Amino acid sequence: MLAEATSADYVRDPTRWGSAEVAALFPGFKHLDMRTKGADIRLRHGGFGPPLLLLHGNSQNHVTWFGVAAR
């Protein structure tokens, strides 16, 4: 199952979706919540070209990539 965040979701449930300020760092990207049998996977999806997966390390989060995501 896949759910896409709307601007109202950031206000209604910032624990799940994060803040609108962080979402604004990723213009043109969708914030998705993918539910699997064993985990909830939260991701940002956007851009063009061949697929590229950016993973953050321990003590970091997805915001680490805002500077390179648009490129």
Protein backbone atom coordinates (compact mmCIF):
# COMPACT_ATOMS: atom_id res chain seq x y z
CA MET A 1 0.00 0.00 0.00
CA LEU A 2 1.25 3.48 -0.84
CA ALA A 3 0.13 6.80 0.63
CA GLU A 4 1.21 10.23 -0.57
CA ALA A 5 1.46 13.17 1.82
CA THR A 6 -0.59 16.29 1.21
CA SER A 7 0.08 19.72 2.69
CA ALA A 8 -2.65 19.06 5.25
CA ASP A 9 -0.87 15.87 6.39
CA TYR A 10 2.21 17.83 7.49
CA VAL A 11 0.03 19.92 9.80
CA ARG A 12 -2.24 17.11 10.97
CA ASP A 13 0.44 14.50 11.72
CA PRO A 14 4.01 15.93 11.74
CA THR A 15 5.33 12.85 13.55
CA ARG A 16 4.43 10.62 10.62
CA TRP A 17 5.00 12.97 7.69
CA GLY A 18 7.50 15.51 9.03
CA SER A 19 7.21 19.25 8.78
CA ALA A 20 6.13 21.40 5.88
CA GLU A 21 9.47 23.24 6.19
CA VAL A 22 11.42 20.05 5.46
CA ALA A 23 9.08 19.12 2.61
CA ALA A 24 9.80 22.54 1.08
CA LEU A 25 13.49 21.57 0.84
CA PHE A 26 12.49 18.98 -1.79
CA PRO A 27 10.47 20.90 -4.40
CA GLY A 28 8.86 18.64 -6.98
CA PHE A 29 9.33 15.53 -4.85
CA LYS A 30 6.52 13.38 -3.46
CA HIS A 31 6.68 12.23 0.15
CA LEU A 32 5.44 8.65 0.18
CA ASP A 33 4.67 6.16 2.91
CA MET A 34 5.01 2.56 1.71
CA ARG A 35 3.58 -0.06 4.02
CA THR A 36 4.88 -3.60 3.73
CA LYS A 37 4.23 -6.67 5.83
CA GLY A 38 7.25 -6.03 8.00
CA ALA A 39 7.91 -2.28 7.92
CA ASP A 40 6.74 1.20 7.03
CA ILE A 41 9.11 2.71 4.50
CA ARG A 42 9.03 6.48 4.19
CA LEU A 43 10.56 7.97 1.08
CA ARG A 44 10.80 11.00 -1.15
CA HIS A 45 10.45 10.35 -4.86
CA GLY A 46 11.13 12.72 -7.72
CA GLY A 47 13.47 13.88 -10.40
CA PHE A 48 14.31 12.40 -13.77
CA GLY A 49 16.88 10.11 -15.35
CA PRO A 50 18.05 6.70 -14.21
CA PRO A 51 16.96 5.63 -10.72
CA LEU A 52 19.25 6.60 -7.86
CA LEU A 53 18.78 5.46 -4.26
CA LEU A 54 20.21 7.75 -1.57
CA LEU A 55 20.48 6.25 1.91
CA HIS A 56 21.42 8.14 5.03
CA GLY A 57 23.71 6.80 7.73
CA ASN A 58 23.40 6.45 11.47
CA SER A 59 22.49 9.67 13.29
CA GLN A 60 21.39 11.32 10.03
CA ASN A 61 18.05 11.47 8.22
CA HIS A 62 16.63 12.09 4.76
CA VAL A 63 17.21 15.85 5.08
CA THR A 64 20.92 15.09 4.58
CA TRP A 65 20.19 14.79 0.84
CA PHE A 66 18.24 17.99 0.21
CA GLY A 67 21.30 19.68 -1.29
CA VAL A 68 21.87 17.03 -3.94
CA ALA A 69 18.35 15.64 -4.49
CA ALA A 70 17.34 18.33 -6.97
CA ARG A 71 20.45 17.76 -9.09
